[in-house]
Structure formats: structure tokens, C-alpha cells
Amino acid sequence: MSDAIICPKCQSEFTYEQDNMMVCSQCFHEWDPKEVENSDKIFDSNGNELQNGDSVVVIKDLPVKGAPKPVKAGTKVKNIRLRPDSDHNIDCKIDGFGSMALKSEFVRKA
């Protein structure tokens, strides 16, 4: 059964096709198999594809653990590095904060 489609949420091999969607019988996650093929791509909050080396702008104040102030909305971040295997999928350096990881849903392409 090497042709089985693996669930992207729980990694179960017990999946089945229903209409044009795939469904996991373990966690009941539903997904479009065509969208999973593009899972290596990372998009900003507006749906623009991000690349390594891009500049982005933070769209909302983001609290930082251990810092007395948040990263303010409108802060420009240059030369980002993408990590598609992580929840916080952008590595960057922000002036005044140093190295940190951001979620792509809180930035837009500059």
C-alpha cells in the first residue's frame, strides 16, 4: 500500500477520497490533494509568495517574550530566511530585538 496518501495533519495512512477531497479516518481532517503539493511554498498575509532574501513588513504589534516592548506594526524586516518545516516559518534579524522567528501570517511582502 505504498500508493496511500498520508494525512498532512496526523500522518495517518488511513485516508480515503470523498468527492474531490481527501479525508483522514483517524483525525477527520479534510484537504485538497492539489494544495498539499504546494506545501513547500510560504505565503504572506495577502497571499503573496515569499522567497529567501525578501523584505517584509510586520502588520500587527507582536509581543516578544523577555522584551519590555513588542515588535511594532510597520517594522520592516530585510533579508528573511524561510523554514517551511516549522510553525514559525520565517527566520530574521530585527533591529533592537536580534534574531527571531516569525509566522508568515503576521507579515506582508514589502
PDB file of N, CA and C in Angstrom:
ATOM      1  N   MET A   1       0.823  -1.185   0.000  1.00  0.00           N
ATOM      2  CA  MET A   1       0.000   0.000   0.000  1.00  0.00           C
ATOM      3  C   MET A   1       0.871   1.254   0.000  1.00  0.00           C
ATOM      4  N   SER A   2       1.893   1.265  -0.838  1.00  0.00           N
ATOM      5  CA  SER A   2       2.811   2.389  -0.895  1.00  0.00           C
ATOM      6  C   SER A   2       2.216   3.585  -1.627  1.00  0.00           C
ATOM      7  N   ASP A   3       1.078   3.408  -2.307  1.00  0.00           N
ATOM      8  CA  ASP A   3       0.435   4.498  -3.021  1.00  0.00           C
ATOM      9  C   ASP A   3      -0.544   5.271  -2.147  1.00  0.00           C
ATOM     10  N   ALA A   4      -0.649   4.921  -0.867  1.00  0.00           N
ATOM     11  CA  ALA A   4      -1.588   5.591   0.027  1.00  0.00           C
ATOM     12  C   ALA A   4      -1.175   7.044   0.236  1.00  0.00           C
ATOM     13  N   ILE A   5      -2.160   7.911   0.300  1.00  0.00           N
ATOM     14  CA  ILE A   5      -1.907   9.327   0.552  1.00  0.00           C
ATOM     15  C   ILE A   5      -1.912   9.539   2.055  1.00  0.00           C
ATOM     16  N   ILE A   6      -0.861  10.135   2.573  1.00  0.00           N
ATOM     17  CA  ILE A   6      -0.681  10.353   4.007  1.00  0.00           C
ATOM     18  C   ILE A   6      -1.400  11.641   4.424  1.00  0.00           C
ATOM     19  N   CYS A   7      -2.052  11.619   5.573  1.00  0.00           N
ATOM     20  CA  CYS A   7      -2.727  12.799   6.110  1.00  0.00           C
ATOM     21  C   CYS A   7      -1.684  13.848   6.503  1.00  0.00           C
ATOM     22  N   PRO A   8      -1.799  15.094   6.027  1.00  0.00           N
ATOM     23  CA  PRO A   8      -0.818  16.119   6.372  1.00  0.00           C
ATOM     24  C   PRO A   8      -0.917  16.583   7.822  1.00  0.00           C
ATOM     25  N   LYS A   9      -2.018  16.297   8.491  1.00  0.00           N
ATOM     26  CA  LYS A   9      -2.190  16.747   9.876  1.00  0.00           C
ATOM     27  C   LYS A   9      -1.649  15.744  10.886  1.00  0.00           C
ATOM     28  N   CYS A  10      -2.048  14.463  10.757  1.00  0.00           N
ATOM     29  CA  CYS A  10      -1.652  13.466  11.765  1.00  0.00           C
ATOM     30  C   CYS A  10      -0.726  12.384  11.219  1.00  0.00           C
ATOM     31  N   GLN A  11      -0.398  12.441   9.924  1.00  0.00           N
ATOM     32  CA  GLN A  11       0.500  11.489   9.266  1.00  0.00           C
ATOM     33  C   GLN A  11      -0.056  10.072   9.204  1.00  0.00           C
ATOM     34  N   SER A  12      -1.377   9.921   9.320  1.00  0.00           N
ATOM     35  CA  SER A  12      -2.010   8.607   9.226  1.00  0.00           C
ATOM     36  C   SER A  12      -2.089   8.174   7.763  1.00  0.00           C
ATOM     37  N   GLU A  13      -1.977   6.875   7.548  1.00  0.00           N
ATOM     38  CA  GLU A  13      -2.094   6.347   6.190  1.00  0.00           C
ATOM     39  C   GLU A  13      -3.526   5.907   5.886  1.00  0.00           C
ATOM     40  N   PHE A  14      -4.432   6.016   6.858  1.00  0.00           N
ATOM     41  CA  PHE A  14      -5.810   5.584   6.694  1.00  0.00           C
ATOM     42  C   PHE A  14      -6.652   6.746   6.176  1.00  0.00           C
ATOM     43  N   THR A  15      -6.537   7.017   4.874  1.00  0.00           N
ATOM     44  CA  THR A  15      -7.259   8.105   4.240  1.00  0.00           C
ATOM     45  C   THR A  15      -8.122   7.561   3.112  1.00  0.00           C
ATOM     46  N   TYR A  16      -9.135   8.326   2.743  1.00  0.00           N
ATOM     47  CA  TYR A  16      -9.984   7.923   1.636  1.00  0.00           C
ATOM     48  C   TYR A  16     -10.428   9.166   0.868  1.00  0.00           C
ATOM     49  N   GLU A  17     -10.859   8.940  -0.362  1.00  0.00           N
ATOM     50  CA  GLU A  17     -11.285  10.046  -1.212  1.00  0.00           C
ATOM     51  C   GLU A  17     -12.801  10.218  -1.115  1.00  0.00           C
ATOM     52  N   GLN A  18     -13.219  11.479  -0.974  1.00  0.00           N
ATOM     53  CA  GLN A  18     -14.640  11.791  -0.936  1.00  0.00           C
ATOM     54  C   GLN A  18     -14.858  13.024  -1.814  1.00  0.00           C
ATOM     55  N   ASP A  19     -15.605  12.874  -2.883  1.00  0.00           N
ATOM     56  CA  ASP A  19     -15.762  13.904  -3.907  1.00  0.00           C
ATOM     57  C   ASP A  19     -14.366  14.262  -4.438  1.00  0.00           C
ATOM     58  N   ASN A  20     -13.950  15.504  -4.371  1.00  0.00           N
ATOM     59  CA  ASN A  20     -12.614  15.897  -4.827  1.00  0.00           C
ATOM     60  C   ASN A  20     -11.653  16.101  -3.670  1.00  0.00           C
ATOM     61  N   MET A  21     -12.054  15.735  -2.467  1.00  0.00           N
ATOM     62  CA  MET A  21     -11.263  15.947  -1.263  1.00  0.00           C
ATOM     63  C   MET A  21     -10.761  14.608  -0.724  1.00  0.00           C
ATOM     64  N   MET A  22      -9.700  14.677   0.066  1.00  0.00           N
ATOM     65  CA  MET A  22      -9.227  13.511   0.807  1.00  0.00           C
ATOM     66  C   MET A  22      -9.646  13.691   2.259  1.00  0.00           C
ATOM     67  N   VAL A  23      -9.971  12.589   2.933  1.00  0.00           N
ATOM     68  CA  VAL A  23     -10.419  12.625   4.322  1.00  0.00           C
ATOM     69  C   VAL A  23      -9.616  11.600   5.113  1.00  0.00           C
ATOM     70  N   CYS A  24      -9.169  11.998   6.294  1.00  0.00           N
ATOM     71  CA  CYS A  24      -8.445  11.091   7.191  1.00  0.00           C
ATOM     72  C   CYS A  24      -9.456  10.431   8.123  1.00  0.00           C
ATOM     73  N   SER A  25      -9.417   9.119   8.210  1.00  0.00           N
ATOM     74  CA  SER A  25     -10.360   8.404   9.071  1.00  0.00           C
ATOM     75  C   SER A  25      -9.932   8.449  10.544  1.00  0.00           C
ATOM     76  N   GLN A  26      -8.723   8.909  10.835  1.00  0.00           N
ATOM     77  CA  GLN A  26      -8.248   8.980  12.217  1.00  0.00           C
ATOM     78  C   GLN A  26      -8.561  10.329  12.873  1.00  0.00           C
ATOM     79  N   CYS A  27      -8.240  11.439  12.189  1.00  0.00           N
ATOM     80  CA  CYS A  27      -8.441  12.771  12.779  1.00  0.00           C
ATOM     81  C   CYS A  27      -9.540  13.564  12.073  1.00  0.00           C
ATOM     82  N   PHE A  28     -10.120  12.994  11.013  1.00  0.00           N
ATOM     83  CA  PHE A  28     -11.217  13.589  10.242  1.00  0.00           C
ATOM     84  C   PHE A  28     -10.817  14.890   9.539  1.00  0.00           C
ATOM     85  N   HIS A  29      -9.534  15.079   9.308  1.00  0.00           N
ATOM     86  CA  HIS A  29      -9.040  16.244   8.570  1.00  0.00           C
ATOM     87  C   HIS A  29      -9.398  16.066   7.098  1.00  0.00           C
ATOM     88  N   GLU A  30      -9.898  17.143   6.465  1.00  0.00           N
ATOM     89  CA  GLU A  30     -10.214  17.118   5.042  1.00  0.00           C
ATOM     90  C   GLU A  30      -9.288  18.080   4.319  1.00  0.00           C
ATOM     91  N   TRP A  31      -8.768  17.680   3.160  1.00  0.00           N
ATOM     92  CA  TRP A  31      -7.869  18.534   2.398  1.00  0.00           C
ATOM     93  C   TRP A  31      -7.961  18.208   0.925  1.00  0.00           C
ATOM     94  N   ASP A  32      -7.527  19.179   0.149  1.00  0.00           N
ATOM     95  CA  ASP A  32      -7.466  19.022  -1.300  1.00  0.00           C
ATOM     96  C   ASP A  32      -6.064  18.529  -1.636  1.00  0.00           C
ATOM     97  N   PRO A  33      -5.910  17.363  -2.260  1.00  0.00           N
ATOM     98  CA  PRO A  33      -4.569  16.843  -2.539  1.00  0.00           C
ATOM     99  C   PRO A  33      -3.741  17.761  -3.437  1.00  0.00           C
ATOM    100  N   LYS A  34      -4.381  18.600  -4.232  1.00  0.00           N
ATOM    101  CA  LYS A  34      -3.647  19.535  -5.087  1.00  0.00           C
ATOM    102  C   LYS A  34      -2.963  20.619  -4.264  1.00  0.00           C
ATOM    103  N   GLU A  35      -3.569  21.027  -3.126  1.00  0.00           N
ATOM    104  CA  GLU A  35      -2.979  22.049  -2.278  1.00  0.00           C
ATOM    105  C   GLU A  35      -1.766  21.528  -1.515  1.00  0.00           C
ATOM    106  N   VAL A  36      -1.758  20.257  -1.164  1.00  0.00           N
ATOM    107  CA  VAL A  36      -0.649  19.670  -0.411  1.00  0.00           C
ATOM    108  C   VAL A  36       0.619  19.639  -1.258  1.00  0.00           C
ATOM    109  N   GLU A  37       0.470  19.531  -2.572  1.00  0.00           N
ATOM    110  CA  GLU A  37       1.639  19.515  -3.451  1.00  0.00           C
ATOM    111  C   GLU A  37       2.413  20.819  -3.364  1.00  0.00           C
ATOM    112  N   ASN A  38       1.753  21.933  -3.059  1.00  0.00           N
ATOM    113  CA  ASN A  38       2.391  23.240  -2.960  1.00  0.00           C
ATOM    114  C   ASN A  38       2.711  23.610  -1.520  1.00  0.00           C
ATOM    115  N   SER A  39       2.828  22.636  -0.631  1.00  0.00           N
ATOM    116  CA  SER A  39       3.022  22.917   0.784  1.00  0.00           C
ATOM    117  C   SER A  39       4.407  23.489   1.091  1.00  0.00           C
ATOM    118  N   ASP A  40       5.373  23.390   0.180  1.00  0.00           N
ATOM    119  CA  ASP A  40       6.697  23.957   0.422  1.00  0.00           C
ATOM    120  C   ASP A  40       6.709  25.465   0.255  1.00  0.00           C
ATOM    121  N   LYS A  41       5.701  26.006  -0.383  1.00  0.00           N
ATOM    122  CA  LYS A  41       5.633  27.441  -0.606  1.00  0.00           C
ATOM    123  C   LYS A  41       5.105  28.132   0.643  1.00  0.00           C
ATOM    124  N   ILE A  42       5.625  29.315   0.912  1.00  0.00           N
ATOM    125  CA  ILE A  42       5.196  30.096   2.066  1.00  0.00           C
ATOM    126  C   ILE A  42       4.624  31.406   1.553  1.00  0.00           C
ATOM    127  N   PHE A  43       3.436  31.767   2.070  1.00  0.00           N
ATOM    128  CA  PHE A  43       2.737  32.965   1.624  1.00  0.00           C
ATOM    129  C   PHE A  43       2.569  33.943   2.773  1.00  0.00           C
ATOM    130  N   ASP A  44       2.558  35.245   2.447  1.00  0.00           N
ATOM    131  CA  ASP A  44       2.332  36.272   3.460  1.00  0.00           C
ATOM    132  C   ASP A  44       0.837  36.410   3.734  1.00  0.00           C
ATOM    133  N   SER A  45       0.456  37.398   4.538  1.00  0.00           N
ATOM    134  CA  SER A  45      -0.940  37.577   4.921  1.00  0.00           C
ATOM    135  C   SER A  45      -1.833  37.948   3.744  1.00  0.00           C
ATOM    136  N   ASN A  46      -1.267  38.498   2.673  1.00  0.00           N
ATOM    137  CA  ASN A  46      -2.040  38.873   1.495  1.00  0.00           C
ATOM    138  C   ASN A  46      -2.036  37.806   0.410  1.00  0.00           C
ATOM    139  N   GLY A  47      -1.362  36.693   0.636  1.00  0.00           N
ATOM    140  CA  GLY A  47      -1.325  35.612  -0.336  1.00  0.00           C
ATOM    141  C   GLY A  47      -0.180  35.693  -1.328  1.00  0.00           C
ATOM    142  N   ASN A  48       0.773  36.604  -1.119  1.00  0.00           N
ATOM    143  CA  ASN A  48       1.947  36.704  -1.986  1.00  0.00           C
ATOM    144  C   ASN A  48       2.981  35.676  -1.558  1.00  0.00           C
ATOM    145  N   GLU A  49       3.583  35.008  -2.515  1.00  0.00           N
ATOM    146  CA  GLU A  49       4.598  34.004  -2.206  1.00  0.00           C
ATOM    147  C   GLU A  49       5.879  34.684  -1.744  1.00  0.00           C
ATOM    148  N   LEU A  50       6.462  34.189  -0.652  1.00  0.00           N
ATOM    149  CA  LEU A  50       7.701  34.732  -0.114  1.00  0.00           C
ATOM    150  C   LEU A  50       8.889  33.900  -0.578  1.00  0.00           C
ATOM    151  N   GLN A  51      10.029  34.549  -0.740  1.00  0.00           N
ATOM    152  CA  GLN A  51      11.279  33.900  -1.143  1.00  0.00           C
ATOM    153  C   GLN A  51      12.367  34.269  -0.136  1.00  0.00           C
ATOM    154  N   ASN A  52      13.420  33.464  -0.063  1.00  0.00           N
ATOM    155  CA  ASN A  52      14.573  33.812   0.764  1.00  0.00           C
ATOM    156  C   ASN A  52      15.153  35.137   0.279  1.00  0.00           C
ATOM    157  N   GLY A  53      15.490  36.018   1.230  1.00  0.00           N
ATOM    158  CA  GLY A  53      16.087  37.301   0.902  1.00  0.00           C
ATOM    159  C   GLY A  53      15.087  38.422   0.713  1.00  0.00           C
ATOM    160  N   ASP A  54      13.793  38.121   0.753  1.00  0.00           N
ATOM    161  CA  ASP A  54      12.772  39.163   0.608  1.00  0.00           C
ATOM    162  C   ASP A  54      12.766  40.084   1.824  1.00  0.00           C
ATOM    163  N   SER A  55      12.145  41.240   1.653  1.00  0.00           N
ATOM    164  CA  SER A  55      11.873  42.149   2.760  1.00  0.00           C
ATOM    165  C   SER A  55      10.382  42.099   3.041  1.00  0.00           C
ATOM    166  N   VAL A  56      10.029  42.124   4.327  1.00  0.00           N
ATOM    167  CA  VAL A  56       8.630  42.073   4.727  1.00  0.00           C
ATOM    168  C   VAL A  56       8.360  43.165   5.749  1.00  0.00           C
ATOM    169  N   VAL A  57       7.075  43.468   5.949  1.00  0.00           N
ATOM    170  CA  VAL A  57       6.635  44.450   6.927  1.00  0.00           C
ATOM    171  C   VAL A  57       5.695  43.752   7.897  1.00  0.00           C
ATOM    172  N   VAL A  58       5.917  43.953   9.200  1.00  0.00           N
ATOM    173  CA  VAL A  58       5.067  43.375  10.231  1.00  0.00           C
ATOM    174  C   VAL A  58       3.728  44.108  10.201  1.00  0.00           C
ATOM    175  N   ILE A  59       2.598  43.377  10.235  1.00  0.00           N
ATOM    176  CA  ILE A  59       1.286  44.012  10.080  1.00  0.00           C
ATOM    177  C   ILE A  59       0.564  44.260  11.402  1.00  0.00           C
ATOM    178  N   LYS A  60       1.050  43.726  12.519  1.00  0.00           N
ATOM    179  CA  LYS A  60       0.437  43.991  13.821  1.00  0.00           C
ATOM    180  C   LYS A  60       1.504  43.933  14.894  1.00  0.00           C
ATOM    181  N   ASP A  61       1.241  44.551  16.036  1.00  0.00           N
ATOM    182  CA  ASP A  61       2.189  44.503  17.145  1.00  0.00           C
ATOM    183  C   ASP A  61       2.337  43.061  17.613  1.00  0.00           C
ATOM    184  N   LEU A  62       3.591  42.611  17.735  1.00  0.00           N
ATOM    185  CA  LEU A  62       3.861  41.233  18.144  1.00  0.00           C
ATOM    186  C   LEU A  62       4.618  41.243  19.469  1.00  0.00           C
ATOM    187  N   PRO A  63       4.039  40.676  20.525  1.00  0.00           N
ATOM    188  CA  PRO A  63       4.747  40.621  21.803  1.00  0.00           C
ATOM    189  C   PRO A  63       5.945  39.669  21.707  1.00  0.00           C
ATOM    190  N   VAL A  64       7.018  40.023  22.403  1.00  0.00           N
ATOM    191  CA  VAL A  64       8.240  39.213  22.391  1.00  0.00           C
ATOM    192  C   VAL A  64       8.537  38.810  23.825  1.00  0.00           C
ATOM    193  N   LYS A  65       8.672  37.508  24.066  1.00  0.00           N
ATOM    194  CA  LYS A  65       8.981  37.035  25.416  1.00  0.00           C
ATOM    195  C   LYS A  65      10.319  37.590  25.865  1.00  0.00           C
ATOM    196  N   GLY A  66      10.355  38.130  27.075  1.00  0.00           N
ATOM    197  CA  GLY A  66      11.593  38.641  27.642  1.00  0.00           C
ATOM    198  C   GLY A  66      11.955  40.043  27.198  1.00  0.00           C
ATOM    199  N   ALA A  67      11.151  40.642  26.344  1.00  0.00           N
ATOM    200  CA  ALA A  67      11.421  42.004  25.889  1.00  0.00           C
ATOM    201  C   ALA A  67      10.382  42.935  26.507  1.00  0.00           C
ATOM    202  N   PRO A  68      10.794  44.150  26.880  1.00  0.00           N
ATOM    203  CA  PRO A  68       9.849  45.070  27.514  1.00  0.00           C
ATOM    204  C   PRO A  68       8.842  45.683  26.542  1.00  0.00           C
ATOM    205  N   LYS A  69       9.098  45.581  25.253  1.00  0.00           N
ATOM    206  CA  LYS A  69       8.196  46.185  24.268  1.00  0.00           C
ATOM    207  C   LYS A  69       7.955  45.207  23.122  1.00  0.00           C
ATOM    208  N   PRO A  70       6.837  45.358  22.409  1.00  0.00           N
ATOM    209  CA  PRO A  70       6.557  44.464  21.271  1.00  0.00           C
ATOM    210  C   PRO A  70       7.246  44.945  20.000  1.00  0.00           C
ATOM    211  N   VAL A  71       7.280  44.080  19.006  1.00  0.00           N
ATOM    212  CA  VAL A  71       7.691  44.485  17.659  1.00  0.00           C
ATOM    213  C   VAL A  71       6.491  45.224  17.094  1.00  0.00           C
ATOM    214  N   LYS A  72       6.681  46.490  16.754  1.00  0.00           N
ATOM    215  CA  LYS A  72       5.576  47.348  16.323  1.00  0.00           C
ATOM    216  C   LYS A  72       5.127  47.038  14.897  1.00  0.00           C
ATOM    217  N   ALA A  73       3.853  47.255  14.647  1.00  0.00           N
ATOM    218  CA  ALA A  73       3.314  47.134  13.293  1.00  0.00           C
ATOM    219  C   ALA A  73       4.013  48.164  12.414  1.00  0.00           C
ATOM    220  N   GLY A  74       4.366  47.777  11.207  1.00  0.00           N
ATOM    221  CA  GLY A  74       5.060  48.668  10.287  1.00  0.00           C
ATOM    222  C   GLY A  74       6.566  48.494  10.297  1.00  0.00           C
ATOM    223  N   THR A  75       7.086  47.654  11.195  1.00  0.00           N
ATOM    224  CA  THR A  75       8.526  47.394  11.243  1.00  0.00           C
ATOM    225  C   THR A  75       8.939  46.626   9.994  1.00  0.00           C
ATOM    226  N   LYS A  76       9.942  47.140   9.296  1.00  0.00           N
ATOM    227  CA  LYS A  76      10.421  46.479   8.080  1.00  0.00           C
ATOM    228  C   LYS A  76      11.534  45.508   8.452  1.00  0.00           C
ATOM    229  N   VAL A  77      11.435  44.313   7.925  1.00  0.00           N
ATOM    230  CA  VAL A  77      12.427  43.263   8.178  1.00  0.00           C
ATOM    231  C   VAL A  77      13.044  42.892   6.840  1.00  0.00           C
ATOM    232  N   LYS A  78      14.373  42.998   6.749  1.00  0.00           N
ATOM    233  CA  LYS A  78      15.074  42.716   5.493  1.00  0.00           C
ATOM    234  C   LYS A  78      15.737  41.351   5.542  1.00  0.00           C
ATOM    235  N   ASN A  79      15.946  40.795   4.369  1.00  0.00           N
ATOM    236  CA  ASN A  79      16.723  39.573   4.193  1.00  0.00           C
ATOM    237  C   ASN A  79      16.217  38.413   5.061  1.00  0.00           C
ATOM    238  N   ILE A  80      14.969  38.005   4.826  1.00  0.00           N
ATOM    239  CA  ILE A  80      14.389  36.905   5.596  1.00  0.00           C
ATOM    240  C   ILE A  80      14.897  35.562   5.074  1.00  0.00           C
ATOM    241  N   ARG A  81      14.826  34.555   5.919  1.00  0.00           N
ATOM    242  CA  ARG A  81      15.170  33.179   5.542  1.00  0.00           C
ATOM    243  C   ARG A  81      13.959  32.317   5.869  1.00  0.00           C
ATOM    244  N   LEU A  82      13.509  31.515   4.918  1.00  0.00           N
ATOM    245  CA  LEU A  82      12.303  30.708   5.083  1.00  0.00           C
ATOM    246  C   LEU A  82      12.617  29.323   5.627  1.00  0.00           C
ATOM    247  N   ARG A  83      11.735  28.838   6.501  1.00  0.00           N
ATOM    248  CA  ARG A  83      11.827  27.494   7.065  1.00  0.00           C
ATOM    249  C   ARG A  83      10.469  26.820   6.926  1.00  0.00           C
ATOM    250  N   PRO A  84      10.224  26.119   5.814  1.00  0.00           N
ATOM    251  CA  PRO A  84       8.897  25.546   5.575  1.00  0.00           C
ATOM    252  C   PRO A  84       8.518  24.417   6.533  1.00  0.00           C
ATOM    253  N   ASP A  85       9.462  23.874   7.269  1.00  0.00           N
ATOM    254  CA  ASP A  85       9.178  22.752   8.155  1.00  0.00           C
ATOM    255  C   ASP A  85       8.774  23.182   9.558  1.00  0.00           C
ATOM    256  N   SER A  86       8.674  24.481   9.820  1.00  0.00           N
ATOM    257  CA  SER A  86       8.419  24.976  11.161  1.00  0.00           C
ATOM    258  C   SER A  86       7.129  25.789  11.222  1.00  0.00           C
ATOM    259  N   ASP A  87       6.554  25.892  12.426  1.00  0.00           N
ATOM    260  CA  ASP A  87       5.368  26.709  12.646  1.00  0.00           C
ATOM    261  C   ASP A  87       5.698  28.189  12.468  1.00  0.00           C
ATOM    262  N   HIS A  88       6.800  28.635  13.049  1.00  0.00           N
ATOM    263  CA  HIS A  88       7.309  29.989  12.837  1.00  0.00           C
ATOM    264  C   HIS A  88       8.257  29.894  11.646  1.00  0.00           C
ATOM    265  N   ASN A  89       7.726  30.150  10.451  1.00  0.00           N
ATOM    266  CA  ASN A  89       8.429  29.780   9.232  1.00  0.00           C
ATOM    267  C   ASN A  89       9.300  30.870   8.613  1.00  0.00           C
ATOM    268  N   ILE A  90       9.581  31.947   9.345  1.00  0.00           N
ATOM    269  CA  ILE A  90      10.491  32.985   8.865  1.00  0.00           C
ATOM    270  C   ILE A  90      11.559  33.237   9.927  1.00  0.00           C
ATOM    271  N   ASP A  91      12.818  33.105   9.557  1.00  0.00           N
ATOM    272  CA  ASP A  91      13.942  33.493  10.414  1.00  0.00           C
ATOM    273  C   ASP A  91      14.422  34.855   9.961  1.00  0.00           C
ATOM    274  N   CYS A  92      14.703  35.741  10.917  1.00  0.00           N
ATOM    275  CA  CYS A  92      15.126  37.087  10.542  1.00  0.00           C
ATOM    276  C   CYS A  92      15.860  37.742  11.709  1.00  0.00           C
ATOM    277  N   LYS A  93      16.420  38.918  11.439  1.00  0.00           N
ATOM    278  CA  LYS A  93      17.011  39.770  12.470  1.00  0.00           C
ATOM    279  C   LYS A  93      16.261  41.087  12.457  1.00  0.00           C
ATOM    280  N   ILE A  94      15.806  41.513  13.636  1.00  0.00           N
ATOM    281  CA  ILE A  94      15.080  42.772  13.765  1.00  0.00           C
ATOM    282  C   ILE A  94      15.906  43.701  14.636  1.00  0.00           C
ATOM    283  N   ASP A  95      16.124  44.914  14.147  1.00  0.00           N
ATOM    284  CA  ASP A  95      16.897  45.899  14.910  1.00  0.00           C
ATOM    285  C   ASP A  95      16.258  46.117  16.277  1.00  0.00           C
ATOM    286  N   GLY A  96      17.064  46.048  17.324  1.00  0.00           N
ATOM    287  CA  GLY A  96      16.583  46.231  18.684  1.00  0.00           C
ATOM    288  C   GLY A  96      16.124  44.955  19.356  1.00  0.00           C
ATOM    289  N   PHE A  97      15.949  43.885  18.581  1.00  0.00           N
ATOM    290  CA  PHE A  97      15.486  42.611  19.135  1.00  0.00           C
ATOM    291  C   PHE A  97      16.446  41.465  18.844  1.00  0.00           C
ATOM    292  N   GLY A  98      17.171  41.520  17.745  1.00  0.00           N
ATOM    293  CA  GLY A  98      18.092  40.455  17.367  1.00  0.00           C
ATOM    294  C   GLY A  98      17.411  39.391  16.533  1.00  0.00           C
ATOM    295  N   SER A  99      17.961  38.189  16.563  1.00  0.00           N
ATOM    296  CA  SER A  99      17.431  37.077  15.761  1.00  0.00           C
ATOM    297  C   SER A  99      16.131  36.571  16.353  1.00  0.00           C
ATOM    298  N   MET A 100      15.188  36.303  15.488  1.00  0.00           N
ATOM    299  CA  MET A 100      13.919  35.743  15.942  1.00  0.00           C
ATOM    300  C   MET A 100      13.210  35.036  14.793  1.00  0.00           C
ATOM    301  N   ALA A 101      12.175  34.317  15.147  1.00  0.00           N
ATOM    302  CA  ALA A 101      11.356  33.607  14.163  1.00  0.00           C
ATOM    303  C   ALA A 101       9.967  34.231  14.168  1.00  0.00           C
ATOM    304  N   LEU A 102       9.399  34.419  12.976  1.00  0.00           N
ATOM    305  CA  LEU A 102       8.069  34.992  12.824  1.00  0.00           C
ATOM    306  C   LEU A 102       7.163  34.032  12.070  1.00  0.00           C
ATOM    307  N   LYS A 103       5.879  34.206  12.245  1.00  0.00           N
ATOM    308  CA  LYS A 103       4.906  33.474  11.438  1.00  0.00           C
ATOM    309  C   LYS A 103       4.577  34.319  10.215  1.00  0.00           C
ATOM    310  N   SER A 104       4.463  33.680   9.075  1.00  0.00           N
ATOM    311  CA  SER A 104       4.213  34.409   7.832  1.00  0.00           C
ATOM    312  C   SER A 104       2.841  35.071   7.806  1.00  0.00           C
ATOM    313  N   GLU A 105       1.920  34.639   8.639  1.00  0.00           N
ATOM    314  CA  GLU A 105       0.585  35.230   8.651  1.00  0.00           C
ATOM    315  C   GLU A 105       0.571  36.628   9.261  1.00  0.00           C
ATOM    316  N   PHE A 106       1.670  37.044   9.911  1.00  0.00           N
ATOM    317  CA  PHE A 106       1.739  38.368  10.539  1.00  0.00           C
ATOM    318  C   PHE A 106       2.621  39.349   9.768  1.00  0.00           C
ATOM    319  N   VAL A 107       2.974  39.017   8.538  1.00  0.00           N
ATOM    320  CA  VAL A 107       3.802  39.913   7.716  1.00  0.00           C
ATOM    321  C   VAL A 107       3.193  40.042   6.326  1.00  0.00           C
ATOM    322  N   ARG A 108       3.592  41.116   5.640  1.00  0.00           N
ATOM    323  CA  ARG A 108       3.256  41.278   4.229  1.00  0.00           C
ATOM    324  C   ARG A 108       4.519  41.625   3.493  1.00  0.00           C
ATOM    325  N   LYS A 109       4.557  41.264   2.229  1.00  0.00           N
ATOM    326  CA  LYS A 109       5.741  41.497   1.411  1.00  0.00           C
ATOM    327  C   LYS A 109       5.916  43.003   1.212  1.00  0.00           C
ATOM    328  N   ALA A 110       7.152  43.475   1.348  1.00  0.00           N
ATOM    329  CA  ALA A 110       7.432  44.919   1.199  1.00  0.00           C
ATOM    330  C   ALA A 110       7.605  45.283  -0.247  1.00  0.00           C
TER     331      ALA A 110
END
